[in-house]
């Protein structure tokens, strides 16, 4: 579904409990610079845009427009400054993604204050 956060069903580590596995939203527990990595695995031959959002504003996107019958896994890393309470999520803006086991990921960690 477009325009809503992806909910990632496998949470490996959530030490400060910033990621909400019900809503798919990370709420920053400690101010600082964070590194976030997210991925896209578009449906075959479908123009797709997957976007990293901060407080409901686009930070970056992975855009794919591949020939019919083909797909390609893509990943992007962004460094962003977050205040305590800022929200970060990954959303589908256009198209469709394959949701097979471990085909999409989202992870982040605080780099510095």
N, C-alpha and C. Protein backbone atom coordinates (compact mmCIF):
# COMPACT_ATOMS: atom_id res chain seq x y z
N UNK A 1 0.84 -1.17 0.00
CA UNK A 1 0.00 0.00 0.00
C UNK A 1 0.90 1.25 0.00
N UNK A 2 0.61 2.20 -0.85
CA UNK A 2 1.43 3.40 -0.95
C UNK A 2 1.07 4.41 0.14
N UNK A 3 2.08 5.22 0.52
CA UNK A 3 1.87 6.32 1.45
C UNK A 3 1.79 5.97 2.92
N UNK A 4 2.05 4.72 3.27
CA UNK A 4 2.08 4.32 4.68
C UNK A 4 3.40 3.59 4.95
N UNK A 5 3.89 3.67 6.18
CA UNK A 5 5.16 3.02 6.49
C UNK A 5 5.10 1.50 6.30
N UNK A 6 6.20 0.94 5.78
CA UNK A 6 6.35 -0.51 5.79
C UNK A 6 6.47 -0.95 7.24
N UNK A 7 5.89 -2.07 7.55
CA UNK A 7 6.07 -2.67 8.87
C UNK A 7 6.96 -3.88 8.66
N UNK A 8 8.15 -3.83 9.23
CA UNK A 8 9.11 -4.92 9.08
C UNK A 8 8.86 -5.93 10.20
N UNK A 9 8.64 -7.17 9.80
CA UNK A 9 8.19 -8.19 10.74
C UNK A 9 9.30 -8.89 11.51
N UNK A 10 10.54 -8.69 11.09
CA UNK A 10 11.66 -9.30 11.82
C UNK A 10 12.51 -8.17 12.40
N UNK A 11 12.49 -8.08 13.72
CA UNK A 11 13.29 -7.07 14.42
C UNK A 11 14.41 -7.81 15.12
N UNK A 12 15.63 -7.56 14.67
CA UNK A 12 16.78 -8.28 15.22
C UNK A 12 17.27 -7.65 16.52
N UNK A 13 17.41 -6.32 16.52
CA UNK A 13 17.89 -5.61 17.71
C UNK A 13 17.17 -4.27 17.78
N UNK A 14 16.65 -3.95 18.94
CA UNK A 14 15.92 -2.70 19.14
C UNK A 14 16.25 -2.21 20.54
N UNK A 15 17.54 -1.98 20.76
CA UNK A 15 18.07 -1.74 22.10
C UNK A 15 17.40 -0.59 22.84
N UNK A 16 17.23 0.54 22.20
CA UNK A 16 16.60 1.69 22.83
C UNK A 16 15.08 1.70 22.60
N UNK A 17 14.57 0.65 21.95
CA UNK A 17 13.15 0.47 21.66
C UNK A 17 12.56 1.63 20.87
N UNK A 18 13.35 2.17 19.92
CA UNK A 18 12.87 3.26 19.08
C UNK A 18 11.98 2.78 17.94
N UNK A 19 12.16 1.54 17.49
CA UNK A 19 11.36 1.03 16.37
C UNK A 19 10.08 0.40 16.90
N UNK A 20 8.95 0.82 16.35
CA UNK A 20 7.65 0.27 16.71
C UNK A 20 7.25 -0.75 15.64
N UNK A 21 7.25 -2.02 16.01
CA UNK A 21 6.97 -3.08 15.04
C UNK A 21 5.48 -3.20 14.69
N UNK A 22 4.64 -2.39 15.30
CA UNK A 22 3.23 -2.35 14.93
C UNK A 22 2.98 -1.28 13.87
N UNK A 23 3.65 -0.12 13.99
CA UNK A 23 3.43 1.00 13.06
C UNK A 23 4.48 1.08 11.96
N UNK A 24 5.68 0.49 12.18
CA UNK A 24 6.77 0.61 11.22
C UNK A 24 7.53 1.92 11.35
N UNK A 25 7.32 2.64 12.43
CA UNK A 25 7.95 3.95 12.62
C UNK A 25 9.04 3.87 13.68
N UNK A 26 10.21 4.44 13.36
CA UNK A 26 11.28 4.60 14.32
C UNK A 26 11.15 5.98 14.93
N UNK A 27 11.06 6.05 16.26
CA UNK A 27 11.02 7.32 16.98
C UNK A 27 12.35 7.48 17.69
N UNK A 28 13.06 8.54 17.37
CA UNK A 28 14.40 8.76 17.87
C UNK A 28 14.42 8.89 19.40
N UNK A 29 15.16 7.99 20.09
CA UNK A 29 15.23 8.06 21.55
C UNK A 29 16.35 8.98 22.06
N UNK A 30 17.38 9.19 21.24
CA UNK A 30 18.55 9.99 21.64
C UNK A 30 18.97 10.85 20.46
N UNK A 31 19.04 12.16 20.66
CA UNK A 31 19.45 13.09 19.60
C UNK A 31 20.83 12.72 19.05
N UNK A 32 21.00 12.87 17.73
CA UNK A 32 22.30 12.63 17.13
C UNK A 32 22.22 12.41 15.64
N UNK A 33 23.37 12.07 15.06
CA UNK A 33 23.45 11.73 13.64
C UNK A 33 23.24 10.22 13.54
N UNK A 34 22.33 9.82 12.66
CA UNK A 34 21.99 8.42 12.48
C UNK A 34 22.29 7.99 11.05
N UNK A 35 22.71 6.76 10.92
CA UNK A 35 22.88 6.13 9.61
C UNK A 35 21.70 5.18 9.42
N UNK A 36 20.98 5.35 8.31
CA UNK A 36 19.87 4.46 7.98
C UNK A 36 20.14 3.80 6.63
N UNK A 37 19.84 2.52 6.56
CA UNK A 37 19.94 1.75 5.32
C UNK A 37 18.56 1.16 5.06
N UNK A 38 18.10 1.30 3.81
CA UNK A 38 16.83 0.70 3.42
C UNK A 38 16.95 0.16 2.01
N UNK A 39 16.01 -0.71 1.64
CA UNK A 39 16.13 -1.39 0.36
C UNK A 39 14.82 -1.37 -0.41
N UNK A 40 14.92 -1.74 -1.68
CA UNK A 40 13.76 -1.88 -2.56
C UNK A 40 13.96 -3.12 -3.42
N UNK A 41 12.91 -3.87 -3.58
CA UNK A 41 12.90 -5.04 -4.45
C UNK A 41 11.60 -4.96 -5.25
N UNK A 42 11.60 -4.17 -6.35
CA UNK A 42 10.36 -3.87 -7.06
C UNK A 42 9.75 -5.09 -7.74
N UNK A 43 8.43 -5.01 -7.91
CA UNK A 43 7.72 -6.04 -8.67
C UNK A 43 8.24 -6.05 -10.10
N UNK A 44 8.13 -7.17 -10.77
CA UNK A 44 8.69 -7.33 -12.11
C UNK A 44 8.09 -6.34 -13.11
N UNK A 45 8.98 -5.49 -13.65
CA UNK A 45 8.59 -4.55 -14.70
C UNK A 45 7.71 -3.42 -14.24
N UNK A 46 7.67 -3.13 -12.93
CA UNK A 46 6.81 -2.08 -12.40
C UNK A 46 7.67 -0.90 -11.95
N UNK A 47 7.34 0.31 -12.42
CA UNK A 47 8.03 1.51 -11.95
C UNK A 47 7.73 1.67 -10.47
N UNK A 48 8.79 1.77 -9.65
CA UNK A 48 8.63 1.76 -8.21
C UNK A 48 9.47 2.83 -7.55
N UNK A 49 8.93 3.43 -6.50
CA UNK A 49 9.66 4.41 -5.69
C UNK A 49 9.46 4.07 -4.22
N UNK A 50 10.57 3.80 -3.52
CA UNK A 50 10.56 3.53 -2.08
C UNK A 50 11.32 4.69 -1.43
N UNK A 51 10.72 5.28 -0.38
CA UNK A 51 11.23 6.53 0.16
C UNK A 51 11.49 6.45 1.65
N UNK A 52 12.61 7.04 2.07
CA UNK A 52 12.92 7.23 3.49
C UNK A 52 12.28 8.56 3.90
N UNK A 53 11.47 8.51 4.96
CA UNK A 53 10.75 9.69 5.43
C UNK A 53 11.23 10.10 6.82
N UNK A 54 11.37 11.41 7.03
CA UNK A 54 11.66 11.96 8.36
C UNK A 54 10.54 12.94 8.68
N UNK A 55 9.79 12.67 9.74
CA UNK A 55 8.67 13.53 10.14
C UNK A 55 7.75 13.82 8.96
N UNK A 56 7.45 12.77 8.18
CA UNK A 56 6.55 12.83 7.01
C UNK A 56 7.07 13.69 5.87
N UNK A 57 8.38 13.93 5.82
CA UNK A 57 9.02 14.65 4.72
C UNK A 57 10.03 13.71 4.06
N UNK A 58 10.04 13.66 2.72
CA UNK A 58 10.97 12.79 2.00
C UNK A 58 12.42 13.20 2.25
N UNK A 59 13.24 12.21 2.61
CA UNK A 59 14.68 12.41 2.77
C UNK A 59 15.40 11.94 1.51
N UNK A 60 15.06 10.74 1.05
CA UNK A 60 15.67 10.17 -0.15
C UNK A 60 14.76 9.08 -0.70
N UNK A 61 15.05 8.65 -1.93
CA UNK A 61 14.25 7.60 -2.56
C UNK A 61 15.12 6.66 -3.36
N UNK A 62 14.61 5.46 -3.55
CA UNK A 62 15.16 4.51 -4.50
C UNK A 62 14.10 4.37 -5.59
N UNK A 63 14.45 4.75 -6.80
CA UNK A 63 13.49 4.70 -7.92
C UNK A 63 13.95 3.63 -8.90
N UNK A 64 13.03 2.79 -9.31
CA UNK A 64 13.33 1.73 -10.28
C UNK A 64 12.30 1.78 -11.40
N UNK A 65 12.79 1.69 -12.64
CA UNK A 65 11.92 1.59 -13.80
C UNK A 65 12.57 0.58 -14.74
N UNK A 66 12.27 -0.68 -14.51
CA UNK A 66 12.95 -1.78 -15.20
C UNK A 66 12.07 -2.36 -16.30
N UNK A 67 12.68 -3.04 -17.27
CA UNK A 67 11.91 -3.67 -18.35
C UNK A 67 10.95 -4.73 -17.80
N UNK A 68 9.90 -4.99 -18.54
CA UNK A 68 8.92 -5.99 -18.14
C UNK A 68 9.59 -7.34 -17.89
N UNK A 69 9.18 -7.98 -16.80
CA UNK A 69 9.72 -9.29 -16.48
C UNK A 69 11.01 -9.27 -15.70
N UNK A 70 11.55 -8.08 -15.39
CA UNK A 70 12.82 -8.03 -14.65
C UNK A 70 12.64 -7.31 -13.32
N UNK A 71 13.54 -7.58 -12.42
CA UNK A 71 13.55 -6.91 -11.12
C UNK A 71 15.00 -6.77 -10.67
N UNK A 72 15.22 -5.91 -9.68
CA UNK A 72 16.59 -5.68 -9.20
C UNK A 72 16.52 -5.20 -7.76
N UNK A 73 17.28 -5.82 -6.89
CA UNK A 73 17.38 -5.40 -5.50
C UNK A 73 18.27 -4.16 -5.43
N UNK A 74 17.81 -3.13 -4.72
CA UNK A 74 18.60 -1.90 -4.54
C UNK A 74 18.61 -1.53 -3.07
N UNK A 75 19.69 -0.87 -2.66
CA UNK A 75 19.84 -0.47 -1.27
C UNK A 75 20.44 0.93 -1.22
N UNK A 76 20.07 1.70 -0.21
CA UNK A 76 20.57 3.06 -0.07
C UNK A 76 20.89 3.33 1.39
N UNK A 77 21.93 4.14 1.62
CA UNK A 77 22.33 4.55 2.96
C UNK A 77 22.27 6.07 3.05
N UNK A 78 21.71 6.58 4.14
CA UNK A 78 21.63 8.02 4.38
C UNK A 78 22.06 8.34 5.80
N UNK A 79 22.78 9.46 5.96
CA UNK A 79 23.10 10.00 7.27
C UNK A 79 22.18 11.19 7.51
N UNK A 80 21.45 11.18 8.62
CA UNK A 80 20.57 12.30 8.92
C UNK A 80 20.65 12.64 10.41
N UNK A 81 20.49 13.93 10.72
CA UNK A 81 20.47 14.38 12.10
C UNK A 81 19.04 14.29 12.62
N UNK A 82 18.89 13.70 13.79
CA UNK A 82 17.57 13.56 14.41
C UNK A 82 17.58 14.19 15.79
N UNK A 83 16.50 14.89 16.09
CA UNK A 83 16.22 15.35 17.45
C UNK A 83 15.46 14.24 18.16
N UNK A 84 15.54 14.20 19.47
CA UNK A 84 14.75 13.23 20.23
C UNK A 84 13.28 13.42 19.87
N UNK A 85 12.59 12.32 19.53
CA UNK A 85 11.19 12.37 19.17
C UNK A 85 10.90 12.43 17.68
N UNK A 86 11.94 12.71 16.84
CA UNK A 86 11.74 12.69 15.39
C UNK A 86 11.35 11.28 14.95
N UNK A 87 10.55 11.20 13.89
CA UNK A 87 10.09 9.91 13.36
C UNK A 87 10.74 9.63 12.01
N UNK A 88 11.12 8.38 11.79
CA UNK A 88 11.70 7.93 10.53
C UNK A 88 10.97 6.65 10.11
N UNK A 89 10.65 6.57 8.81
CA UNK A 89 10.01 5.37 8.29
C UNK A 89 10.38 5.18 6.82
N UNK A 90 10.06 4.02 6.29
CA UNK A 90 10.24 3.71 4.88
C UNK A 90 8.85 3.49 4.29
N UNK A 91 8.57 4.18 3.17
CA UNK A 91 7.25 4.09 2.56
C UNK A 91 7.35 3.78 1.07
N UNK A 92 6.37 3.09 0.58
CA UNK A 92 6.20 2.87 -0.86
C UNK A 92 5.44 4.07 -1.40
N UNK A 93 6.04 4.80 -2.32
CA UNK A 93 5.39 5.98 -2.90
C UNK A 93 4.72 5.66 -4.23
N UNK A 94 5.27 4.66 -4.94
CA UNK A 94 4.74 4.32 -6.26
C UNK A 94 5.09 2.88 -6.56
N UNK A 95 4.18 2.17 -7.23
CA UNK A 95 4.48 0.82 -7.70
C UNK A 95 4.18 -0.26 -6.69
N UNK A 96 5.01 -1.30 -6.71
CA UNK A 96 4.83 -2.46 -5.83
C UNK A 96 6.19 -3.09 -5.57
N UNK A 97 6.34 -3.69 -4.40
CA UNK A 97 7.57 -4.39 -4.05
C UNK A 97 7.25 -5.83 -3.72
N UNK A 98 8.24 -6.68 -3.92
CA UNK A 98 8.12 -8.09 -3.53
C UNK A 98 8.40 -8.18 -2.04
N UNK A 99 7.55 -8.87 -1.31
CA UNK A 99 7.68 -8.94 0.15
C UNK A 99 8.06 -10.34 0.60
N UNK A 100 8.97 -10.98 -0.13
CA UNK A 100 9.42 -12.31 0.27
C UNK A 100 10.33 -12.19 1.48
N UNK A 101 10.53 -13.27 2.18
CA UNK A 101 11.34 -13.27 3.40
C UNK A 101 12.68 -12.58 3.17
N UNK A 102 12.95 -11.58 3.99
CA UNK A 102 14.21 -10.83 3.99
C UNK A 102 14.50 -10.09 2.69
N UNK A 103 13.50 -9.85 1.85
CA UNK A 103 13.76 -9.13 0.60
C UNK A 103 13.80 -7.63 0.80
N UNK A 104 13.21 -7.12 1.88
CA UNK A 104 13.27 -5.70 2.20
C UNK A 104 13.91 -5.55 3.57
N UNK A 105 14.69 -4.48 3.72
CA UNK A 105 15.28 -4.25 5.03
C UNK A 105 15.34 -2.77 5.36
N UNK A 106 15.45 -2.49 6.63
CA UNK A 106 15.55 -1.15 7.16
C UNK A 106 16.31 -1.26 8.46
N UNK A 107 17.46 -0.61 8.53
CA UNK A 107 18.17 -0.61 9.80
C UNK A 107 18.91 0.70 9.97
N UNK A 108 19.16 1.02 11.21
CA UNK A 108 19.83 2.27 11.50
C UNK A 108 20.53 2.22 12.85
N UNK A 109 21.43 3.16 13.02
CA UNK A 109 22.14 3.27 14.29
C UNK A 109 22.68 4.69 14.45
N UNK A 110 22.85 5.09 15.68
CA UNK A 110 23.37 6.43 15.98
C UNK A 110 24.87 6.43 15.76
N UNK A 111 25.35 7.39 14.96
CA UNK A 111 26.76 7.50 14.62
C UNK A 111 27.49 8.41 15.62
N UNK A 112 26.86 9.54 15.95
CA UNK A 112 27.48 10.50 16.88
C UNK A 112 26.41 11.39 17.48
N UNK A 113 26.83 12.18 18.47
CA UNK A 113 25.91 13.14 19.11
C UNK A 113 25.59 14.29 18.20
